[in-house]
Protein backbone atom coordinates (compact mmCIF):
# COMPACT_ATOMS: atom_id res chain seq x y z
CA MET A 1 -12.34 28.83 -18.77
CA GLY A 2 -11.41 30.48 -22.03
CA ASN A 3 -12.16 29.41 -25.55
CA PRO A 4 -10.61 25.93 -26.15
CA TYR A 5 -9.57 27.10 -29.63
CA ASP A 6 -7.69 30.07 -28.18
CA PRO A 7 -4.83 28.94 -25.89
CA TYR A 8 -3.84 32.58 -25.26
CA GLY A 9 -7.18 33.40 -23.69
CA GLN A 10 -9.90 35.57 -25.11
CA GLN A 11 -8.36 38.39 -27.07
CA PRO A 12 -10.45 41.36 -28.18
CA GLY A 13 -11.76 40.70 -31.67
CA TYR A 14 -9.96 37.38 -31.96
CA GLY A 15 -12.25 34.47 -32.74
CA GLN A 16 -15.29 36.62 -32.19
CA GLN A 17 -17.69 37.53 -34.92
CA GLN A 18 -17.55 41.06 -36.18
CA PRO A 19 -20.73 43.11 -36.46
CA GLY A 20 -22.46 42.24 -39.71
CA TYR A 21 -20.23 39.23 -40.37
CA GLY A 22 -22.06 35.92 -40.57
CA GLN A 23 -25.21 37.44 -39.18
CA GLN A 24 -28.56 37.06 -40.85
CA PRO A 25 -30.13 40.05 -42.58
CA PRO A 26 -32.63 42.10 -40.54
CA ALA A 27 -36.08 40.62 -40.15
CA GLN A 28 -38.28 41.89 -42.94
CA PRO A 29 -42.07 41.61 -42.86
CA GLY A 30 -43.17 38.72 -45.04
CA TYR A 31 -39.63 37.34 -45.47
CA GLY A 32 -39.41 33.62 -44.70
CA GLN A 33 -42.66 33.51 -42.80
CA PRO A 34 -45.94 35.04 -43.95
CA PRO A 35 -47.38 37.74 -41.68
CA ALA A 36 -49.97 36.61 -39.18
CA GLN A 37 -53.33 36.82 -40.87
CA PRO A 38 -56.65 36.27 -39.10
CA GLY A 39 -58.02 32.85 -39.95
CA TYR A 40 -54.72 31.53 -41.33
CA GLY A 41 -53.85 28.10 -39.96
CA GLN A 42 -56.57 28.08 -37.34
CA PRO A 43 -60.14 29.25 -37.86
CA PRO A 44 -61.18 32.25 -35.75
CA ALA A 45 -63.09 31.51 -32.58
CA GLN A 46 -66.75 31.49 -33.44
CA PRO A 47 -69.57 31.28 -30.88
CA GLY A 48 -71.04 27.81 -30.84
CA TYR A 49 -68.06 26.19 -32.57
CA GLY A 50 -66.97 23.00 -30.84
CA GLN A 51 -69.25 23.44 -27.86
CA PRO A 52 -72.87 24.57 -28.05
CA PRO A 53 -73.58 27.92 -26.37
CA ALA A 54 -75.04 27.78 -22.88
CA GLN A 55 -78.80 27.91 -23.18
CA PRO A 56 -81.13 28.51 -20.23
CA GLY A 57 -82.92 25.31 -19.25
CA TYR A 58 -80.67 23.09 -21.33
CA GLY A 59 -80.06 19.76 -19.62
CA GLN A 60 -82.53 20.26 -16.80
CA GLN A 61 -86.06 21.33 -17.56
CA GLN A 62 -87.92 22.70 -14.58
CA PRO A 63 -91.69 23.03 -14.94
CA PRO A 64 -93.09 26.47 -14.09
CA ALA A 65 -94.54 26.84 -10.61
CA GLN A 66 -98.30 26.42 -10.77
CA PRO A 67 -100.41 28.08 -8.09
CA GLY A 68 -102.52 25.66 -6.14
């Protein structure tokens, strides 16, 4: 099915956008959206943040084996 606005079918260059016409300018760094910076928006992952680090013997304490 052709373009409903073009009863003669799709003609080359008819109803189509030309290069550079109506298109947005090229993406420039820092234009519209700030560049991704470490620690911006979400804090960097730090050890022990949110969940405590796994420690040996944490949760279950086993007494040392005593001879005899």
